[in-house]
Amino acid sequence: MPTAVSRRHLVAATAWSVPVILVGQPASAASCSTAGYTVYTPTLTVSSTVQKKTVNGHTLGTMTFTVRNDGTLSLPTGTVYSVVFEVTKAPGNAAKNVTVTPQGAPSGLSRTPSTPTSMNPDGGSMGVKSFTATLALTFPLGPGESLDQVWDVDSETGIGATHVTMTGTNGGYGSDQCAVTGPGGDSAKGGDWGSSDPD
């Protein structure tokens, strides 16, 4: 049984935060200046759990990316987030990987890739240091609603030798070319897992 379970929530004041896009930022369509802008207010959260597997000392846990609609308009179908995972501290050698496996996507969210990805910056020319997952809303996310995408993380090293970062960034509000992220919303959020997590 795993022991020493802990959970972290990284908040907007951390070094990982990215300023929101303010209302009035130029949109891609020239007609937006006359037709007006659509203001969405999603808030993003990166959270993690860490535990030590007692049988072999491996570090296990999860990383979760949450999109919550704190605005008055539904986030449109096709809203996209790019989530980048990166190993920034080496697992030790080519035989010890960090494996990131997505749990099933919740209803209303599509996700690629859907298979596990192994990362290892010490893996020589074949070592994978980072990869990107894409999340997209498959139907509108109403005011007050949220969606969580969870990934399981398994490191073949002890808890002091593993560090993975996750950064999620908004890639557009579906077909709404006049969309902006309003005050109080997040266009990006990041956090970490493993050796750099505070107690």
C-alpha atoms as a PDB file:
ATOM      1  CA  MET A   1       0.000   0.000   0.000  1.00  0.00           C
ATOM      2  CA  PRO A   2       1.255   3.509  -0.782  1.00  0.00           C
ATOM      3  CA  THR A   3       2.202   5.736   2.108  1.00  0.00           C
ATOM      4  CA  ALA A   4       2.938   9.412   2.688  1.00  0.00           C
ATOM      5  CA  VAL A   5       0.179  10.676   0.426  1.00  0.00           C
ATOM      6  CA  SER A   6       0.063  14.418  -0.134  1.00  0.00           C
ATOM      7  CA  ARG A   7      -1.862  16.788  -2.398  1.00  0.00           C
ATOM      8  CA  ARG A   8      -0.772  20.135  -3.758  1.00  0.00           C
ATOM      9  CA  HIS A   9      -2.793  22.957  -5.320  1.00  0.00           C
ATOM     10  CA  LEU A  10      -0.761  25.569  -7.158  1.00  0.00           C
ATOM     11  CA  VAL A  11      -2.419  28.938  -7.067  1.00  0.00           C
ATOM     12  CA  ALA A  12      -2.279  32.054  -9.179  1.00  0.00           C
ATOM     13  CA  ALA A  13       0.367  33.701  -6.983  1.00  0.00           C
ATOM     14  CA  THR A  14       3.006  31.092  -7.745  1.00  0.00           C
ATOM     15  CA  ALA A  15       5.885  31.570 -10.126  1.00  0.00           C
ATOM     16  CA  TRP A  16       4.079  29.395 -12.654  1.00  0.00           C
ATOM     17  CA  SER A  17       1.245  31.865 -13.220  1.00  0.00           C
ATOM     18  CA  VAL A  18       0.827  33.687 -16.511  1.00  0.00           C
ATOM     19  CA  PRO A  19      -1.026  37.014 -16.692  1.00  0.00           C
ATOM     20  CA  VAL A  20      -4.520  36.922 -18.137  1.00  0.00           C
ATOM     21  CA  ILE A  21      -5.334  38.398 -21.508  1.00  0.00           C
ATOM     22  CA  LEU A  22      -7.280  41.587 -20.845  1.00  0.00           C
ATOM     23  CA  VAL A  23     -10.464  42.670 -22.556  1.00  0.00           C
ATOM     24  CA  GLY A  24      -9.689  44.746 -25.618  1.00  0.00           C
ATOM     25  CA  GLN A  25      -6.694  42.773 -26.802  1.00  0.00           C
ATOM     26  CA  PRO A  26      -6.832  42.708 -30.617  1.00  0.00           C
ATOM     27  CA  ALA A  27      -8.525  39.605 -31.952  1.00  0.00           C
ATOM     28  CA  SER A  28      -7.688  37.903 -35.234  1.00  0.00           C
ATOM     29  CA  ALA A  29     -10.758  39.104 -37.146  1.00  0.00           C
ATOM     30  CA  ALA A  30     -10.843  42.744 -38.266  1.00  0.00           C
ATOM     31  CA  SER A  31     -14.616  42.841 -37.808  1.00  0.00           C
ATOM     32  CA  CYS A  32     -14.253  42.393 -34.050  1.00  0.00           C
ATOM     33  CA  SER A  33     -13.636  46.105 -33.566  1.00  0.00           C
ATOM     34  CA  THR A  34     -17.144  46.875 -34.825  1.00  0.00           C
ATOM     35  CA  ALA A  35     -18.987  43.688 -33.870  1.00  0.00           C
ATOM     36  CA  GLY A  36     -17.510  43.603 -30.368  1.00  0.00           C
ATOM     37  CA  TYR A  37     -15.570  41.060 -28.349  1.00  0.00           C
ATOM     38  CA  THR A  38     -16.836  37.959 -26.554  1.00  0.00           C
ATOM     39  CA  VAL A  39     -15.454  37.799 -23.019  1.00  0.00           C
ATOM     40  CA  TYR A  40     -14.872  34.404 -21.401  1.00  0.00           C
ATOM     41  CA  THR A  41     -13.632  33.840 -17.858  1.00  0.00           C
ATOM     42  CA  PRO A  42     -12.136  30.376 -17.386  1.00  0.00           C
ATOM     43  CA  THR A  43      -9.983  29.697 -14.348  1.00  0.00           C
ATOM     44  CA  LEU A  44      -7.323  27.002 -14.538  1.00  0.00           C
ATOM     45  CA  THR A  45      -5.836  24.855 -11.793  1.00  0.00           C
ATOM     46  CA  VAL A  46      -2.910  22.453 -11.755  1.00  0.00           C
ATOM     47  CA  SER A  47      -2.877  20.084  -8.784  1.00  0.00           C
ATOM     48  CA  SER A  48      -0.874  17.006  -7.902  1.00  0.00           C
ATOM     49  CA  THR A  49      -0.614  14.081  -5.529  1.00  0.00           C
ATOM     50  CA  VAL A  50       2.598  12.282  -4.560  1.00  0.00           C
ATOM     51  CA  GLN A  51       3.086   8.993  -2.778  1.00  0.00           C
ATOM     52  CA  LYS A  52       5.886   6.506  -2.273  1.00  0.00           C
ATOM     53  CA  LYS A  53       5.363   2.880  -3.225  1.00  0.00           C
ATOM     54  CA  THR A  54       6.565   0.932  -0.206  1.00  0.00           C
ATOM     55  CA  VAL A  55       7.417  -2.227  -2.133  1.00  0.00           C
ATOM     56  CA  ASN A  56      10.200  -0.664  -4.230  1.00  0.00           C
ATOM     57  CA  GLY A  57      10.437   3.017  -3.324  1.00  0.00           C
ATOM     58  CA  HIS A  58       9.078   4.245  -6.663  1.00  0.00           C
ATOM     59  CA  THR A  59       7.390   7.633  -6.695  1.00  0.00           C
ATOM     60  CA  LEU A  60       3.737   7.488  -7.772  1.00  0.00           C
ATOM     61  CA  GLY A  61       1.010  10.067  -8.039  1.00  0.00           C
ATOM     62  CA  THR A  62      -1.161  12.177 -10.300  1.00  0.00           C
ATOM     63  CA  MET A  63      -1.234  15.521 -12.077  1.00  0.00           C
ATOM     64  CA  THR A  64      -4.591  17.169 -12.778  1.00  0.00           C
ATOM     65  CA  PHE A  65      -5.468  20.027 -15.117  1.00  0.00           C
ATOM     66  CA  THR A  66      -8.820  21.658 -14.293  1.00  0.00           C
ATOM     67  CA  VAL A  67     -10.794  24.101 -16.425  1.00  0.00           C
ATOM     68  CA  ARG A  68     -13.596  25.898 -14.585  1.00  0.00           C
ATOM     69  CA  ASN A  69     -15.970  28.402 -16.149  1.00  0.00           C
ATOM     70  CA  ASP A  70     -16.226  31.339 -13.745  1.00  0.00           C
ATOM     71  CA  GLY A  71     -17.864  33.605 -16.313  1.00  0.00           C
ATOM     72  CA  THR A  72     -21.447  34.248 -17.373  1.00  0.00           C
ATOM     73  CA  LEU A  73     -21.107  32.787 -20.892  1.00  0.00           C
ATOM     74  CA  SER A  74     -20.578  29.113 -21.720  1.00  0.00           C
ATOM     75  CA  LEU A  75     -17.106  28.244 -22.973  1.00  0.00           C
ATOM     76  CA  PRO A  76     -17.755  27.182 -26.570  1.00  0.00           C
ATOM     77  CA  THR A  77     -17.328  23.767 -28.124  1.00  0.00           C
ATOM     78  CA  GLY A  78     -13.845  23.517 -29.597  1.00  0.00           C
ATOM     79  CA  THR A  79     -12.115  25.508 -26.854  1.00  0.00           C
ATOM     80  CA  VAL A  80      -8.593  24.047 -26.821  1.00  0.00           C
ATOM     81  CA  TYR A  81      -5.836  23.731 -24.225  1.00  0.00           C
ATOM     82  CA  SER A  82      -2.296  22.535 -24.910  1.00  0.00           C
ATOM     83  CA  VAL A  83      -0.773  20.812 -21.881  1.00  0.00           C
ATOM     84  CA  VAL A  84       3.015  20.393 -21.928  1.00  0.00           C
ATOM     85  CA  PHE A  85       4.785  17.904 -19.648  1.00  0.00           C
ATOM     86  CA  GLU A  86       8.537  18.171 -19.146  1.00  0.00           C
ATOM     87  CA  VAL A  87      11.076  16.222 -17.095  1.00  0.00           C
ATOM     88  CA  THR A  88      13.434  18.822 -15.671  1.00  0.00           C
ATOM     89  CA  LYS A  89      15.348  16.589 -13.263  1.00  0.00           C
ATOM     90  CA  ALA A  90      16.942  13.409 -14.516  1.00  0.00           C
ATOM     91  CA  PRO A  91      15.670  10.043 -13.245  1.00  0.00           C
ATOM     92  CA  GLY A  92      19.268   8.783 -13.096  1.00  0.00           C
ATOM     93  CA  ASN A  93      19.921   6.542 -16.093  1.00  0.00           C
ATOM     94  CA  ALA A  94      18.431   5.233 -19.316  1.00  0.00           C
ATOM     95  CA  ALA A  95      16.711   2.345 -17.524  1.00  0.00           C
ATOM     96  CA  LYS A  96      14.676   4.539 -15.170  1.00  0.00           C
ATOM     97  CA  ASN A  97      11.763   6.370 -16.773  1.00  0.00           C
ATOM     98  CA  VAL A  98       8.953   8.661 -15.725  1.00  0.00           C
ATOM     99  CA  THR A  99       5.739   7.341 -17.278  1.00  0.00           C
ATOM    100  CA  VAL A 100       2.731   9.639 -17.676  1.00  0.00           C
ATOM    101  CA  THR A 101      -0.575   7.856 -18.366  1.00  0.00           C
ATOM    102  CA  PRO A 102      -3.844   9.716 -18.996  1.00  0.00           C
ATOM    103  CA  GLN A 103      -6.922   8.569 -17.158  1.00  0.00           C
ATOM    104  CA  GLY A 104     -10.107   8.409 -19.215  1.00  0.00           C
ATOM    105  CA  ALA A 105     -11.251  11.812 -20.454  1.00  0.00           C
ATOM    106  CA  PRO A 106     -14.448  13.055 -18.765  1.00  0.00           C
ATOM    107  CA  SER A 107     -17.597  13.510 -20.816  1.00  0.00           C
ATOM    108  CA  GLY A 108     -17.343  16.771 -22.736  1.00  0.00           C
ATOM    109  CA  LEU A 109     -13.582  16.630 -23.228  1.00  0.00           C
ATOM    110  CA  SER A 110     -11.441  15.029 -25.916  1.00  0.00           C
ATOM    111  CA  ARG A 111      -7.756  14.325 -25.333  1.00  0.00           C
ATOM    112  CA  THR A 112      -4.741  13.261 -27.349  1.00  0.00           C
ATOM    113  CA  PRO A 113      -2.581  11.318 -26.886  1.00  0.00           C
ATOM    114  CA  SER A 114      -4.587   8.636 -25.088  1.00  0.00           C
ATOM    115  CA  THR A 115      -1.674   6.272 -24.447  1.00  0.00           C
ATOM    116  CA  PRO A 116       1.167   6.356 -21.888  1.00  0.00           C
ATOM    117  CA  THR A 117       4.290   8.428 -22.613  1.00  0.00           C
ATOM    118  CA  SER A 118       7.675   7.595 -21.079  1.00  0.00           C
ATOM    119  CA  MET A 119      10.103  10.439 -20.463  1.00  0.00           C
ATOM    120  CA  ASN A 120      13.756  10.242 -19.529  1.00  0.00           C
ATOM    121  CA  PRO A 121      16.253  13.058 -20.091  1.00  0.00           C
ATOM    122  CA  ASP A 122      19.077  10.575 -19.423  1.00  0.00           C
ATOM    123  CA  GLY A 123      17.909   8.216 -22.152  1.00  0.00           C
ATOM    124  CA  GLY A 124      20.478   9.316 -24.697  1.00  0.00           C
ATOM    125  CA  SER A 125      19.365  10.248 -28.200  1.00  0.00           C
ATOM    126  CA  MET A 126      16.057   8.404 -27.678  1.00  0.00           C
ATOM    127  CA  GLY A 127      15.246  10.140 -24.396  1.00  0.00           C
ATOM    128  CA  VAL A 128      11.965  12.080 -24.362  1.00  0.00           C
ATOM    129  CA  LYS A 129      12.260  15.231 -22.272  1.00  0.00           C
ATOM    130  CA  SER A 130       8.788  16.638 -22.968  1.00  0.00           C
ATOM    131  CA  PHE A 131       5.517  15.999 -24.763  1.00  0.00           C
ATOM    132  CA  THR A 132       2.295  17.876 -25.429  1.00  0.00           C
ATOM    133  CA  ALA A 133      -1.265  16.717 -24.806  1.00  0.00           C
ATOM    134  CA  THR A 134      -4.212  18.482 -26.446  1.00  0.00           C
ATOM    135  CA  LEU A 135      -7.562  18.916 -24.678  1.00  0.00           C
ATOM    136  CA  ALA A 136     -10.690  20.190 -26.439  1.00  0.00           C
ATOM    137  CA  LEU A 137     -14.262  20.795 -25.273  1.00  0.00           C
ATOM    138  CA  THR A 138     -16.732  18.620 -27.179  1.00  0.00           C
ATOM    139  CA  PHE A 139     -19.725  20.596 -25.913  1.00  0.00           C
ATOM    140  CA  PRO A 140     -20.143  23.996 -24.203  1.00  0.00           C
ATOM    141  CA  LEU A 141     -18.971  24.300 -20.589  1.00  0.00           C
ATOM    142  CA  GLY A 142     -21.638  26.255 -18.722  1.00  0.00           C
ATOM    143  CA  PRO A 143     -21.124  28.899 -16.031  1.00  0.00           C
ATOM    144  CA  GLY A 144     -19.947  27.295 -12.791  1.00  0.00           C
ATOM    145  CA  GLU A 145     -19.094  23.997 -14.470  1.00  0.00           C
ATOM    146  CA  SER A 146     -15.635  22.436 -14.553  1.00  0.00           C
ATOM    147  CA  LEU A 147     -13.762  19.563 -16.158  1.00  0.00           C
ATOM    148  CA  ASP A 148     -10.723  17.672 -14.810  1.00  0.00           C
ATOM    149  CA  GLN A 149      -8.201  15.739 -16.852  1.00  0.00           C
ATOM    150  CA  VAL A 150      -6.032  13.487 -14.677  1.00  0.00           C
ATOM    151  CA  TRP A 151      -2.744  11.828 -15.569  1.00  0.00           C
ATOM    152  CA  ASP A 152      -1.105   9.072 -13.497  1.00  0.00           C
ATOM    153  CA  VAL A 153       2.637   9.576 -12.969  1.00  0.00           C
ATOM    154  CA  ASP A 154       5.005   6.686 -12.164  1.00  0.00           C
ATOM    155  CA  SER A 155       8.691   7.324 -11.599  1.00  0.00           C
ATOM    156  CA  GLU A 156      11.113   4.445 -11.253  1.00  0.00           C
ATOM    157  CA  THR A 157      13.195   6.477  -8.793  1.00  0.00           C
ATOM    158  CA  GLY A 158      12.785   7.738  -5.261  1.00  0.00           C
ATOM    159  CA  ILE A 159      10.831  10.880  -4.500  1.00  0.00           C
ATOM    160  CA  GLY A 160      13.952  13.037  -4.266  1.00  0.00           C
ATOM    161  CA  ALA A 161      15.078  12.274  -7.810  1.00  0.00           C
ATOM    162  CA  THR A 162      11.991  13.164  -9.847  1.00  0.00           C
ATOM    163  CA  HIS A 163      10.681  16.466 -11.145  1.00  0.00           C
ATOM    164  CA  VAL A 164       7.982  16.892 -13.793  1.00  0.00           C
ATOM    165  CA  THR A 165       6.383  20.183 -14.822  1.00  0.00           C
ATOM    166  CA  MET A 166       2.965  20.695 -16.412  1.00  0.00           C
ATOM    167  CA  THR A 167       1.920  23.889 -18.201  1.00  0.00           C
ATOM    168  CA  GLY A 168      -1.519  24.294 -19.783  1.00  0.00           C
ATOM    169  CA  THR A 169      -2.215  27.111 -22.268  1.00  0.00           C
ATOM    170  CA  ASN A 170      -5.430  28.217 -23.976  1.00  0.00           C
ATOM    171  CA  GLY A 171      -5.221  27.712 -27.729  1.00  0.00           C
ATOM    172  CA  GLY A 172      -8.473  29.392 -28.725  1.00  0.00           C
ATOM    173  CA  TYR A 173     -12.186  29.517 -28.002  1.00  0.00           C
ATOM    174  CA  GLY A 174     -13.463  27.282 -30.761  1.00  0.00           C
ATOM    175  CA  SER A 175     -14.660  29.195 -33.818  1.00  0.00           C
ATOM    176  CA  ASP A 176     -15.125  32.459 -31.882  1.00  0.00           C
ATOM    177  CA  GLN A 177     -12.535  34.692 -33.537  1.00  0.00           C
ATOM    178  CA  CYS A 178     -13.517  37.685 -31.377  1.00  0.00           C
ATOM    179  CA  ALA A 179     -12.931  35.931 -28.041  1.00  0.00           C
ATOM    180  CA  VAL A 180     -10.807  37.306 -25.229  1.00  0.00           C
ATOM    181  CA  THR A 181     -10.042  36.100 -21.707  1.00  0.00           C
ATOM    182  CA  GLY A 182     -11.517  38.608 -19.286  1.00  0.00           C
ATOM    183  CA  PRO A 183     -10.252  39.911 -15.941  1.00  0.00           C
ATOM    184  CA  GLY A 184     -10.202  37.143 -13.345  1.00  0.00           C
ATOM    185  CA  GLY A 185      -9.669  34.470 -15.976  1.00  0.00           C
ATOM    186  CA  ASP A 186      -6.545  32.484 -16.828  1.00  0.00           C
ATOM    187  CA  SER A 187      -5.007  31.965 -20.249  1.00  0.00           C
ATOM    188  CA  ALA A 188      -2.322  29.635 -18.859  1.00  0.00           C
ATOM    189  CA  LYS A 189      -1.329  27.883 -15.641  1.00  0.00           C
ATOM    190  CA  GLY A 190       1.513  25.607 -14.623  1.00  0.00           C
ATOM    191  CA  GLY A 191       2.786  23.566 -11.745  1.00  0.00           C
ATOM    192  CA  ASP A 192       5.165  20.780 -10.799  1.00  0.00           C
ATOM    193  CA  TRP A 193       5.268  17.258  -9.417  1.00  0.00           C
ATOM    194  CA  GLY A 194       7.859  15.337  -7.474  1.00  0.00           C
ATOM    195  CA  SER A 195      11.006  16.552  -5.825  1.00  0.00           C
ATOM    196  CA  SER A 196      10.199  20.277  -6.047  1.00  0.00           C
ATOM    197  CA  ASP A 197       6.745  20.066  -4.456  1.00  0.00           C
ATOM    198  CA  PRO A 198       6.586  21.892  -1.117  1.00  0.00           C
ATOM    199  CA  ASP A 199       5.482  19.955   1.954  1.00  0.00           C
END
